[in-house]
């Protein structure tokens, strides 16, 4: 992998987010010439990386901006996305769909026009319809995404189809596609109003909310992957994956939200009593990714246990919040 990335010119769109920050720090080990395109302020990027990267504050829903940042790049990572807690996919449906379609479509189209050689499209577990079985990649089109993830899930599906269509019509072999599970770790969004379950619970418990009331009944089963592991899988996919063949990146193991809450309560200094608000949505009952394709094509397997990953995330938040 070192030789593949060594001294390449790399654009990381969304490079100031949780996954982007981890990815950029990894690519710096390969002496890559890195450009970050993000909506964040330049001061924030400088706090993260100093002068080690080139930073462009820009709106990638504008196609002209996408053409500018992808020019002369060897590799483009599309990490731009809109994250949110349970319910936002319904209450902010248009705010999910329209910008996501604009920036992912424009960035890939600009990369094609600038003849980028390698492009990673980061899709999501939310593309899948509901199933109690581990989700294999070919089942994504067996039905619509469910509940609050229906609209962002459909947007991600469109991005995958866009990559396939460019291969079919133009023979563009750059795009590789990964579908991460629920990613967590340092530099996540810890705002309880918008954060996903792990960072939200960490922030609420650390900040003294006790007892802590959680949506649903805690029975929902999810697949979580630590950010360092997902970055390793992304790099392997860009190097080794077939063109436009989606590959899951998760742990392949299911854990209940109730267990997650208890692990976090055991890691924060003061702990917290937990209650459940069964009047609120629990979400899809089961979401676990099959990891057979990732293991067979990439030799990838997540290394970080949930307990270890949550402990690392809590420790980072206590130092950095």
C-alpha atoms as a PDB file:
ATOM      1  CA  UNK A   1       0.000   0.000   0.000  1.00  0.00           C
ATOM      2  CA  UNK A   2       2.908   2.356   0.650  1.00  0.00           C
ATOM      3  CA  UNK A   3       4.005   2.300  -2.996  1.00  0.00           C
ATOM      4  CA  UNK A   4       0.482   2.888  -4.305  1.00  0.00           C
ATOM      5  CA  UNK A   5       0.021   6.132  -2.339  1.00  0.00           C
ATOM      6  CA  UNK A   6       3.631   7.309  -2.155  1.00  0.00           C
ATOM      7  CA  UNK A   7       3.906  11.016  -3.087  1.00  0.00           C
ATOM      8  CA  UNK A   8       0.558  11.029  -4.927  1.00  0.00           C
ATOM      9  CA  UNK A   9      -1.417  14.248  -5.315  1.00  0.00           C
ATOM     10  CA  UNK A  10      -4.553  13.628  -3.293  1.00  0.00           C
ATOM     11  CA  UNK A  11      -7.762  15.599  -2.808  1.00  0.00           C
ATOM     12  CA  UNK A  12      -9.722  14.782   0.336  1.00  0.00           C
ATOM     13  CA  UNK A  13     -13.158  16.354   0.001  1.00  0.00           C
ATOM     14  CA  UNK A  14     -14.502  16.638   3.517  1.00  0.00           C
ATOM     15  CA  UNK A  15     -11.036  16.202   4.980  1.00  0.00           C
ATOM     16  CA  UNK A  16     -11.816  18.051   8.214  1.00  0.00           C
ATOM     17  CA  UNK A  17     -14.466  15.563   9.354  1.00  0.00           C
ATOM     18  CA  UNK A  18     -13.939  12.526  11.560  1.00  0.00           C
ATOM     19  CA  UNK A  19     -12.993  10.100   8.784  1.00  0.00           C
ATOM     20  CA  UNK A  20     -11.203  12.802   6.798  1.00  0.00           C
ATOM     21  CA  UNK A  21      -8.959  13.818   9.692  1.00  0.00           C
ATOM     22  CA  UNK A  22      -7.893  10.231  10.301  1.00  0.00           C
ATOM     23  CA  UNK A  23      -7.392   9.634   6.561  1.00  0.00           C
ATOM     24  CA  UNK A  24      -5.284  12.764   6.040  1.00  0.00           C
ATOM     25  CA  UNK A  25      -3.014  11.878   8.959  1.00  0.00           C
ATOM     26  CA  UNK A  26      -2.544   8.417   7.441  1.00  0.00           C
ATOM     27  CA  UNK A  27      -1.801   9.780   3.959  1.00  0.00           C
ATOM     28  CA  UNK A  28       0.794  12.165   5.395  1.00  0.00           C
ATOM     29  CA  UNK A  29       2.796   9.065   6.352  1.00  0.00           C
ATOM     30  CA  UNK A  30       3.061   8.282   2.628  1.00  0.00           C
ATOM     31  CA  UNK A  31       4.400  11.762   1.771  1.00  0.00           C
ATOM     32  CA  UNK A  32       1.276  12.546  -0.224  1.00  0.00           C
ATOM     33  CA  UNK A  33       0.675  16.075  -1.505  1.00  0.00           C
ATOM     34  CA  UNK A  34      -2.713  16.627   0.102  1.00  0.00           C
ATOM     35  CA  UNK A  35      -5.411  19.162  -0.671  1.00  0.00           C
ATOM     36  CA  UNK A  36      -8.455  19.399   1.573  1.00  0.00           C
ATOM     37  CA  UNK A  37     -11.714  20.904   0.335  1.00  0.00           C
ATOM     38  CA  UNK A  38     -14.194  21.672   3.080  1.00  0.00           C
ATOM     39  CA  UNK A  39     -16.730  24.193   4.341  1.00  0.00           C
ATOM     40  CA  UNK A  40     -14.819  24.513   7.611  1.00  0.00           C
ATOM     41  CA  UNK A  41     -12.829  27.657   8.370  1.00  0.00           C
ATOM     42  CA  UNK A  42      -9.158  27.632   7.449  1.00  0.00           C
ATOM     43  CA  UNK A  43      -8.208  28.202  11.101  1.00  0.00           C
ATOM     44  CA  UNK A  44      -9.788  24.894  12.043  1.00  0.00           C
ATOM     45  CA  UNK A  45      -7.882  23.012   9.329  1.00  0.00           C
ATOM     46  CA  UNK A  46      -4.646  24.621  10.507  1.00  0.00           C
ATOM     47  CA  UNK A  47      -5.357  23.468  14.056  1.00  0.00           C
ATOM     48  CA  UNK A  48      -5.691  19.927  12.752  1.00  0.00           C
ATOM     49  CA  UNK A  49      -2.787  19.765  10.309  1.00  0.00           C
ATOM     50  CA  UNK A  50      -0.722  22.936  10.564  1.00  0.00           C
ATOM     51  CA  UNK A  51       0.946  23.723   7.241  1.00  0.00           C
ATOM     52  CA  UNK A  52       1.248  20.080   6.182  1.00  0.00           C
ATOM     53  CA  UNK A  53      -1.671  20.252   3.748  1.00  0.00           C
ATOM     54  CA  UNK A  54      -3.189  22.710   1.300  1.00  0.00           C
ATOM     55  CA  UNK A  55      -6.643  23.792   2.439  1.00  0.00           C
ATOM     56  CA  UNK A  56      -9.404  25.245   0.265  1.00  0.00           C
ATOM     57  CA  UNK A  57     -12.588  26.481   1.905  1.00  0.00           C
ATOM     58  CA  UNK A  58     -15.195  25.939  -0.773  1.00  0.00           C
ATOM     59  CA  UNK A  59     -18.771  24.907  -1.505  1.00  0.00           C
ATOM     60  CA  UNK A  60     -18.714  21.714  -3.559  1.00  0.00           C
ATOM     61  CA  UNK A  61     -22.375  21.957  -4.535  1.00  0.00           C
ATOM     62  CA  UNK A  62     -21.008  24.375  -7.192  1.00  0.00           C
ATOM     63  CA  UNK A  63     -19.617  22.474 -10.186  1.00  0.00           C
ATOM     64  CA  UNK A  64     -17.002  25.152 -10.952  1.00  0.00           C
ATOM     65  CA  UNK A  65     -15.526  24.686  -7.498  1.00  0.00           C
ATOM     66  CA  UNK A  66     -15.375  20.926  -8.049  1.00  0.00           C
ATOM     67  CA  UNK A  67     -13.523  21.399 -11.351  1.00  0.00           C
ATOM     68  CA  UNK A  68     -11.010  23.642  -9.614  1.00  0.00           C
ATOM     69  CA  UNK A  69     -10.177  21.346  -6.697  1.00  0.00           C
ATOM     70  CA  UNK A  70      -9.977  18.118  -8.745  1.00  0.00           C
ATOM     71  CA  UNK A  71      -7.638  19.540 -11.397  1.00  0.00           C
ATOM     72  CA  UNK A  72      -4.251  17.771 -11.563  1.00  0.00           C
ATOM     73  CA  UNK A  73      -5.131  15.366  -8.744  1.00  0.00           C
ATOM     74  CA  UNK A  74      -4.091  11.698  -8.898  1.00  0.00           C
ATOM     75  CA  UNK A  75      -6.590  10.555  -6.287  1.00  0.00           C
ATOM     76  CA  UNK A  76      -9.893  11.975  -5.028  1.00  0.00           C
ATOM     77  CA  UNK A  77     -11.656  10.847  -1.860  1.00  0.00           C
ATOM     78  CA  UNK A  78     -15.298  11.855  -1.601  1.00  0.00           C
ATOM     79  CA  UNK A  79     -15.926  12.036   2.153  1.00  0.00           C
ATOM     80  CA  UNK A  80     -18.386  14.922   2.031  1.00  0.00           C
ATOM     81  CA  UNK A  81     -21.681  14.029   3.592  1.00  0.00           C
ATOM     82  CA  UNK A  82     -24.466  15.096   5.910  1.00  0.00           C
ATOM     83  CA  UNK A  83     -24.653  13.260   9.209  1.00  0.00           C
ATOM     84  CA  UNK A  84     -27.475  13.345  11.687  1.00  0.00           C
ATOM     85  CA  UNK A  85     -29.224  11.676  14.580  1.00  0.00           C
ATOM     86  CA  UNK A  86     -32.319   9.477  14.362  1.00  0.00           C
ATOM     87  CA  UNK A  87     -35.212  11.492  12.910  1.00  0.00           C
ATOM     88  CA  UNK A  88     -33.261  14.092  10.955  1.00  0.00           C
ATOM     89  CA  UNK A  89     -33.725  12.053   7.772  1.00  0.00           C
ATOM     90  CA  UNK A  90     -37.412  12.864   8.059  1.00  0.00           C
ATOM     91  CA  UNK A  91     -37.511  16.324   9.663  1.00  0.00           C
ATOM     92  CA  UNK A  92     -34.685  17.669   7.445  1.00  0.00           C
ATOM     93  CA  UNK A  93     -35.337  15.506   4.401  1.00  0.00           C
ATOM     94  CA  UNK A  94     -34.698  18.159   1.735  1.00  0.00           C
ATOM     95  CA  UNK A  95     -31.613  19.408   3.590  1.00  0.00           C
ATOM     96  CA  UNK A  96     -30.247  15.884   3.263  1.00  0.00           C
ATOM     97  CA  UNK A  97     -31.210  15.146  -0.305  1.00  0.00           C
ATOM     98  CA  UNK A  98     -30.560  18.243  -2.405  1.00  0.00           C
ATOM     99  CA  UNK A  99     -27.051  19.255  -1.244  1.00  0.00           C
ATOM    100  CA  UNK A 100     -25.936  15.619  -1.143  1.00  0.00           C
ATOM    101  CA  UNK A 101     -26.999  15.015  -4.730  1.00  0.00           C
ATOM    102  CA  UNK A 102     -25.334  18.230  -5.855  1.00  0.00           C
ATOM    103  CA  UNK A 103     -21.957  17.782  -4.245  1.00  0.00           C
ATOM    104  CA  UNK A 104     -21.515  14.069  -4.869  1.00  0.00           C
ATOM    105  CA  UNK A 105     -22.649  14.355  -8.514  1.00  0.00           C
ATOM    106  CA  UNK A 106     -20.545  17.433  -9.240  1.00  0.00           C
ATOM    107  CA  UNK A 107     -17.405  16.086  -7.575  1.00  0.00           C
ATOM    108  CA  UNK A 108     -17.462  12.807  -9.484  1.00  0.00           C
ATOM    109  CA  UNK A 109     -18.296  14.542 -12.763  1.00  0.00           C
ATOM    110  CA  UNK A 110     -15.446  17.005 -12.284  1.00  0.00           C
ATOM    111  CA  UNK A 111     -13.045  14.155 -11.486  1.00  0.00           C
ATOM    112  CA  UNK A 112     -14.055  12.421 -14.723  1.00  0.00           C
ATOM    113  CA  UNK A 113     -13.542  15.583 -16.758  1.00  0.00           C
ATOM    114  CA  UNK A 114     -10.129  16.138 -15.143  1.00  0.00           C
ATOM    115  CA  UNK A 115      -9.132  12.523 -15.831  1.00  0.00           C
ATOM    116  CA  UNK A 116      -8.529  11.605 -12.189  1.00  0.00           C
ATOM    117  CA  UNK A 117      -7.023   8.107 -12.083  1.00  0.00           C
ATOM    118  CA  UNK A 118      -8.423   6.915  -8.735  1.00  0.00           C
ATOM    119  CA  UNK A 119     -11.660   7.991  -7.046  1.00  0.00           C
ATOM    120  CA  UNK A 120     -13.226   6.665  -3.847  1.00  0.00           C
ATOM    121  CA  UNK A 121     -16.963   7.114  -3.400  1.00  0.00           C
ATOM    122  CA  UNK A 122     -17.950   6.604   0.221  1.00  0.00           C
ATOM    123  CA  UNK A 123     -21.480   5.255   0.283  1.00  0.00           C
ATOM    124  CA  UNK A 124     -23.205   3.990   3.431  1.00  0.00           C
ATOM    125  CA  UNK A 125     -24.923   1.160   5.262  1.00  0.00           C
ATOM    126  CA  UNK A 126     -28.090   3.248   4.880  1.00  0.00           C
ATOM    127  CA  UNK A 127     -28.468   2.152   1.225  1.00  0.00           C
ATOM    128  CA  UNK A 128     -29.764  -1.244   2.376  1.00  0.00           C
ATOM    129  CA  UNK A 129     -33.382  -2.319   2.843  1.00  0.00           C
ATOM    130  CA  UNK A 130     -34.353  -3.828   6.175  1.00  0.00           C
ATOM    131  CA  UNK A 131     -33.164  -7.392   6.789  1.00  0.00           C
ATOM    132  CA  UNK A 132     -32.410  -9.381   9.918  1.00  0.00           C
ATOM    133  CA  UNK A 133     -29.518 -11.094   8.121  1.00  0.00           C
ATOM    134  CA  UNK A 134     -26.027  -9.628   7.589  1.00  0.00           C
ATOM    135  CA  UNK A 135     -26.325  -7.398   4.540  1.00  0.00           C
ATOM    136  CA  UNK A 136     -24.453  -8.642   1.491  1.00  0.00           C
ATOM    137  CA  UNK A 137     -23.577  -6.100  -1.167  1.00  0.00           C
ATOM    138  CA  UNK A 138     -25.832  -7.525  -3.887  1.00  0.00           C
ATOM    139  CA  UNK A 139     -28.975  -7.130  -1.709  1.00  0.00           C
ATOM    140  CA  UNK A 140     -28.914  -3.314  -1.683  1.00  0.00           C
ATOM    141  CA  UNK A 141     -31.525  -3.126  -4.440  1.00  0.00           C
ATOM    142  CA  UNK A 142     -33.924  -5.702  -2.962  1.00  0.00           C
ATOM    143  CA  UNK A 143     -36.124  -2.916  -1.580  1.00  0.00           C
ATOM    144  CA  UNK A 144     -36.099   0.688  -0.424  1.00  0.00           C
ATOM    145  CA  UNK A 145     -33.990   1.902   2.493  1.00  0.00           C
ATOM    146  CA  UNK A 146     -36.160   1.992   5.584  1.00  0.00           C
ATOM    147  CA  UNK A 147     -37.436   4.596   8.028  1.00  0.00           C
ATOM    148  CA  UNK A 148     -35.337   7.699   8.676  1.00  0.00           C
ATOM    149  CA  UNK A 149     -32.551   6.663   6.285  1.00  0.00           C
ATOM    150  CA  UNK A 150     -34.699   6.306   3.173  1.00  0.00           C
ATOM    151  CA  UNK A 151     -33.821   9.658   1.593  1.00  0.00           C
ATOM    152  CA  UNK A 152     -30.059   9.787   2.311  1.00  0.00           C
ATOM    153  CA  UNK A 153     -29.892   6.097   1.401  1.00  0.00           C
ATOM    154  CA  UNK A 154     -31.416   6.763  -2.010  1.00  0.00           C
ATOM    155  CA  UNK A 155     -28.991   9.646  -2.560  1.00  0.00           C
ATOM    156  CA  UNK A 156     -26.043   7.343  -1.882  1.00  0.00           C
ATOM    157  CA  UNK A 157     -27.461   4.765  -4.273  1.00  0.00           C
ATOM    158  CA  UNK A 158     -27.534   7.416  -6.999  1.00  0.00           C
ATOM    159  CA  UNK A 159     -23.830   8.107  -6.402  1.00  0.00           C
ATOM    160  CA  UNK A 160     -23.050   4.416  -6.844  1.00  0.00           C
ATOM    161  CA  UNK A 161     -25.047   4.287 -10.085  1.00  0.00           C
ATOM    162  CA  UNK A 162     -23.281   7.406 -11.332  1.00  0.00           C
ATOM    163  CA  UNK A 163     -19.928   5.653 -10.922  1.00  0.00           C
ATOM    164  CA  UNK A 164     -21.191   2.588 -12.769  1.00  0.00           C
ATOM    165  CA  UNK A 165     -22.680   4.679 -15.581  1.00  0.00           C
ATOM    166  CA  UNK A 166     -19.356   6.475 -16.166  1.00  0.00           C
ATOM    167  CA  UNK A 167     -17.603   3.133 -16.459  1.00  0.00           C
ATOM    168  CA  UNK A 168     -20.196   1.840 -18.929  1.00  0.00           C
ATOM    169  CA  UNK A 169     -20.276   4.919 -21.175  1.00  0.00           C
ATOM    170  CA  UNK A 170     -16.778   6.392 -20.849  1.00  0.00           C
ATOM    171  CA  UNK A 171     -14.719   3.426 -19.687  1.00  0.00           C
ATOM    172  CA  UNK A 172     -13.672   5.435 -16.625  1.00  0.00           C
ATOM    173  CA  UNK A 173     -12.076   2.960 -14.251  1.00  0.00           C
ATOM    174  CA  UNK A 174     -11.288   5.325 -11.396  1.00  0.00           C
ATOM    175  CA  UNK A 175     -14.296   4.863  -9.070  1.00  0.00           C
ATOM    176  CA  UNK A 176     -14.162   2.411  -6.187  1.00  0.00           C
ATOM    177  CA  UNK A 177     -17.112   2.185  -3.778  1.00  0.00           C
ATOM    178  CA  UNK A 178     -17.241   1.396  -0.067  1.00  0.00           C
ATOM    179  CA  UNK A 179     -20.256   1.133   2.227  1.00  0.00           C
ATOM    180  CA  UNK A 180     -19.171   1.809   5.818  1.00  0.00           C
ATOM    181  CA  UNK A 181     -21.197   0.717   8.810  1.00  0.00           C
ATOM    182  CA  UNK A 182     -21.735   3.135  11.710  1.00  0.00           C
ATOM    183  CA  UNK A 183     -18.359   4.859  12.076  1.00  0.00           C
ATOM    184  CA  UNK A 184     -17.266   6.434  15.367  1.00  0.00           C
ATOM    185  CA  UNK A 185     -14.104   7.799  16.946  1.00  0.00           C
ATOM    186  CA  UNK A 186     -12.163  10.990  17.714  1.00  0.00           C
ATOM    187  CA  UNK A 187     -13.197  14.174  15.856  1.00  0.00           C
ATOM    188  CA  UNK A 188     -16.780  12.936  15.497  1.00  0.00           C
ATOM    189  CA  UNK A 189     -19.770  15.261  15.891  1.00  0.00           C
ATOM    190  CA  UNK A 190     -20.459  15.303  19.637  1.00  0.00           C
ATOM    191  CA  UNK A 191     -23.350  17.787  19.522  1.00  0.00           C
ATOM    192  CA  UNK A 192     -26.274  15.836  21.058  1.00  0.00           C
ATOM    193  CA  UNK A 193     -28.700  17.674  18.742  1.00  0.00           C
ATOM    194  CA  UNK A 194     -27.109  16.269  15.599  1.00  0.00           C
ATOM    195  CA  UNK A 195     -24.709  13.507  16.671  1.00  0.00           C
ATOM    196  CA  UNK A 196     -25.198   9.805  16.120  1.00  0.00           C
ATOM    197  CA  UNK A 197     -25.615   7.421  19.008  1.00  0.00           C
ATOM    198  CA  UNK A 198     -22.066   6.822  20.311  1.00  0.00           C
ATOM    199  CA  UNK A 199     -20.771  10.420  20.280  1.00  0.00           C
ATOM    200  CA  UNK A 200     -24.129  11.743  21.485  1.00  0.00           C
ATOM    201  CA  UNK A 201     -24.186   9.436  24.509  1.00  0.00           C
ATOM    202  CA  UNK A 202     -20.533  10.155  25.299  1.00  0.00           C
ATOM    203  CA  UNK A 203     -21.121  13.898  25.283  1.00  0.00           C
ATOM    204  CA  UNK A 204     -24.306  13.710  27.310  1.00  0.00           C
ATOM    205  CA  UNK A 205     -22.804  11.447  29.972  1.00  0.00           C
ATOM    206  CA  UNK A 206     -19.510  13.343  30.222  1.00  0.00           C
ATOM    207  CA  UNK A 207     -21.416  16.613  30.551  1.00  0.00           C
ATOM    208  CA  UNK A 208     -23.349  15.295  33.531  1.00  0.00           C
ATOM    209  CA  UNK A 209     -26.749  14.278  32.190  1.00  0.00           C
ATOM    210  CA  UNK A 210     -27.996  11.776  34.752  1.00  0.00           C
ATOM    211  CA  UNK A 211     -30.294   9.939  34.455  1.00  0.00           C
ATOM    212  CA  UNK A 212     -29.948   9.836  30.688  1.00  0.00           C
ATOM    213  CA  UNK A 213     -33.036   9.147  28.548  1.00  0.00           C
ATOM    214  CA  UNK A 214     -32.427   7.407  25.210  1.00  0.00           C
ATOM    215  CA  UNK A 215     -34.828   7.059  22.271  1.00  0.00           C
ATOM    216  CA  UNK A 216     -36.373   3.638  21.692  1.00  0.00           C
ATOM    217  CA  UNK A 217     -36.057   0.558  23.879  1.00  0.00           C
ATOM    218  CA  UNK A 218     -32.377  -0.275  23.294  1.00  0.00           C
ATOM    219  CA  UNK A 219     -33.087  -3.452  21.327  1.00  0.00           C
ATOM    220  CA  UNK A 220     -31.910  -2.193  17.921  1.00  0.00           C
ATOM    221  CA  UNK A 221     -28.829  -4.060  16.726  1.00  0.00           C
ATOM    222  CA  UNK A 222     -26.109  -2.165  14.881  1.00  0.00           C
ATOM    223  CA  UNK A 223     -22.688  -2.734  13.294  1.00  0.00           C
ATOM    224  CA  UNK A 224     -20.075  -0.233  14.474  1.00  0.00           C
ATOM    225  CA  UNK A 225     -16.553   0.311  13.123  1.00  0.00           C
ATOM    226  CA  UNK A 226     -13.797   2.440  14.631  1.00  0.00           C
ATOM    227  CA  UNK A 227     -12.569   5.257  12.401  1.00  0.00           C
ATOM    228  CA  UNK A 228      -8.982   3.965  12.132  1.00  0.00           C
ATOM    229  CA  UNK A 229     -10.264   0.625  10.871  1.00  0.00           C
ATOM    230  CA  UNK A 230     -12.571   2.153   8.278  1.00  0.00           C
ATOM    231  CA  UNK A 231      -9.713   4.303   6.943  1.00  0.00           C
ATOM    232  CA  UNK A 232      -7.564   1.207   6.532  1.00  0.00           C
ATOM    233  CA  UNK A 233     -10.392  -0.440   4.589  1.00  0.00           C
ATOM    234  CA  UNK A 234     -10.840   2.607   2.384  1.00  0.00           C
ATOM    235  CA  UNK A 235      -7.169   2.676   1.438  1.00  0.00           C
ATOM    236  CA  UNK A 236      -7.214  -1.028   0.633  1.00  0.00           C
ATOM    237  CA  UNK A 237     -10.350  -0.569  -1.470  1.00  0.00           C
ATOM    238  CA  UNK A 238      -8.855   2.241  -3.516  1.00  0.00           C
ATOM    239  CA  UNK A 239      -5.825   0.104  -4.268  1.00  0.00           C
ATOM    240  CA  UNK A 240      -7.369  -3.350  -4.717  1.00  0.00           C
ATOM    241  CA  UNK A 241     -11.134  -3.212  -5.285  1.00  0.00           C
ATOM    242  CA  UNK A 242     -12.701  -3.856  -8.705  1.00  0.00           C
ATOM    243  CA  UNK A 243     -14.151  -0.823 -10.476  1.00  0.00           C
ATOM    244  CA  UNK A 244     -17.588   0.270  -9.174  1.00  0.00           C
ATOM    245  CA  UNK A 245     -18.051  -2.883  -7.092  1.00  0.00           C
ATOM    246  CA  UNK A 246     -19.458  -1.878  -3.676  1.00  0.00           C
ATOM    247  CA  UNK A 247     -17.623  -3.296  -0.671  1.00  0.00           C
ATOM    248  CA  UNK A 248     -18.906  -3.264   2.913  1.00  0.00           C
ATOM    249  CA  UNK A 249     -16.652  -1.916   5.654  1.00  0.00           C
ATOM    250  CA  UNK A 250     -17.843  -2.865   9.114  1.00  0.00           C
ATOM    251  CA  UNK A 251     -17.116  -5.188  11.984  1.00  0.00           C
ATOM    252  CA  UNK A 252     -19.576  -7.809  10.778  1.00  0.00           C
ATOM    253  CA  UNK A 253     -20.801  -8.065  14.378  1.00  0.00           C
ATOM    254  CA  UNK A 254     -24.085  -6.824  15.806  1.00  0.00           C
ATOM    255  CA  UNK A 255     -24.452  -5.076  19.143  1.00  0.00           C
ATOM    256  CA  UNK A 256     -27.565  -3.660  20.802  1.00  0.00           C
ATOM    257  CA  UNK A 257     -27.897   0.036  21.555  1.00  0.00           C
ATOM    258  CA  UNK A 258     -28.480  -0.995  25.184  1.00  0.00           C
ATOM    259  CA  UNK A 259     -25.045  -2.633  25.310  1.00  0.00           C
ATOM    260  CA  UNK A 260     -23.484   0.427  23.685  1.00  0.00           C
ATOM    261  CA  UNK A 261     -25.001   2.676  26.342  1.00  0.00           C
ATOM    262  CA  UNK A 262     -23.731   0.428  29.136  1.00  0.00           C
ATOM    263  CA  UNK A 263     -20.188   0.316  27.690  1.00  0.00           C
ATOM    264  CA  UNK A 264     -20.101   4.113  27.456  1.00  0.00           C
ATOM    265  CA  UNK A 265     -21.465   4.494  30.990  1.00  0.00           C
ATOM    266  CA  UNK A 266     -18.612   2.291  32.180  1.00  0.00           C
ATOM    267  CA  UNK A 267     -16.002   4.448  30.408  1.00  0.00           C
ATOM    268  CA  UNK A 268     -17.042   7.968  31.437  1.00  0.00           C
ATOM    269  CA  UNK A 269     -15.755   9.219  34.819  1.00  0.00           C
ATOM    270  CA  UNK A 270     -19.115   9.521  36.632  1.00  0.00           C
ATOM    271  CA  UNK A 271     -21.232   7.041  34.705  1.00  0.00           C
ATOM    272  CA  UNK A 272     -24.987   7.537  34.366  1.00  0.00           C
ATOM    273  CA  UNK A 273     -28.292   5.820  35.008  1.00  0.00           C
ATOM    274  CA  UNK A 274     -30.075   4.940  31.769  1.00  0.00           C
ATOM    275  CA  UNK A 275     -33.789   5.077  30.927  1.00  0.00           C
ATOM    276  CA  UNK A 276     -35.534   4.412  27.628  1.00  0.00           C
ATOM    277  CA  UNK A 277     -38.149   6.543  25.865  1.00  0.00           C
ATOM    278  CA  UNK A 278     -40.229   3.929  24.069  1.00  0.00           C
ATOM    279  CA  UNK A 279     -42.479   6.642  22.572  1.00  0.00           C
ATOM    280  CA  UNK A 280     -39.602   7.585  20.245  1.00  0.00           C
ATOM    281  CA  UNK A 281     -38.396   5.579  17.207  1.00  0.00           C
ATOM    282  CA  UNK A 282     -35.926   2.760  17.755  1.00  0.00           C
ATOM    283  CA  UNK A 283     -34.880   2.552  14.104  1.00  0.00           C
ATOM    284  CA  UNK A 284     -34.447  -0.569  11.985  1.00  0.00           C
ATOM    285  CA  UNK A 285     -34.340  -3.664  14.240  1.00  0.00           C
ATOM    286  CA  UNK A 286     -31.129  -5.093  12.772  1.00  0.00           C
ATOM    287  CA  UNK A 287     -28.317  -3.635  10.692  1.00  0.00           C
ATOM    288  CA  UNK A 288     -25.234  -5.800  10.309  1.00  0.00           C
ATOM    289  CA  UNK A 289     -22.906  -5.899   7.318  1.00  0.00           C
ATOM    290  CA  UNK A 290     -21.554  -9.074   5.792  1.00  0.00           C
ATOM    291  CA  UNK A 291     -17.777  -8.766   5.548  1.00  0.00           C
ATOM    292  CA  UNK A 292     -17.114 -11.711   3.230  1.00  0.00           C
ATOM    293  CA  UNK A 293     -16.450  -9.573   0.140  1.00  0.00           C
ATOM    294  CA  UNK A 294     -14.068  -7.258   2.011  1.00  0.00           C
ATOM    295  CA  UNK A 295     -12.179 -10.235   3.396  1.00  0.00           C
ATOM    296  CA  UNK A 296     -11.988 -12.006   0.034  1.00  0.00           C
ATOM    297  CA  UNK A 297     -11.123  -9.024  -2.192  1.00  0.00           C
ATOM    298  CA  UNK A 298      -9.174  -6.791   0.179  1.00  0.00           C
ATOM    299  CA  UNK A 299      -7.995  -9.058   2.964  1.00  0.00           C
ATOM    300  CA  UNK A 300      -9.697  -6.601   5.314  1.00  0.00           C
ATOM    301  CA  UNK A 301     -10.920  -7.281   8.839  1.00  0.00           C
ATOM    302  CA  UNK A 302     -11.642  -4.665  11.510  1.00  0.00           C
ATOM    303  CA  UNK A 303      -9.070  -4.850  14.312  1.00  0.00           C
ATOM    304  CA  UNK A 304     -10.454  -2.585  17.047  1.00  0.00           C
ATOM    305  CA  UNK A 305     -12.935  -4.066  19.527  1.00  0.00           C
ATOM    306  CA  UNK A 306     -15.965  -1.999  20.454  1.00  0.00           C
ATOM    307  CA  UNK A 307     -14.795  -1.671  24.049  1.00  0.00           C
ATOM    308  CA  UNK A 308     -11.349  -0.497  22.966  1.00  0.00           C
ATOM    309  CA  UNK A 309     -12.728   1.929  20.383  1.00  0.00           C
ATOM    310  CA  UNK A 310     -15.211   3.507  22.782  1.00  0.00           C
ATOM    311  CA  UNK A 311     -12.521   3.845  25.451  1.00  0.00           C
ATOM    312  CA  UNK A 312     -10.229   5.631  22.979  1.00  0.00           C
ATOM    313  CA  UNK A 313     -13.070   7.904  21.881  1.00  0.00           C
ATOM    314  CA  UNK A 314     -14.052   8.830  25.445  1.00  0.00           C
ATOM    315  CA  UNK A 315     -10.420   9.556  26.344  1.00  0.00           C
ATOM    316  CA  UNK A 316     -10.061  11.809  23.290  1.00  0.00           C
ATOM    317  CA  UNK A 317     -13.279  13.658  24.083  1.00  0.00           C
ATOM    318  CA  UNK A 318     -12.282  14.259  27.702  1.00  0.00           C
ATOM    319  CA  UNK A 319      -9.064  15.897  26.473  1.00  0.00           C
ATOM    320  CA  UNK A 320     -10.509  17.760  23.493  1.00  0.00           C
ATOM    321  CA  UNK A 321     -14.132  18.676  24.124  1.00  0.00           C
END
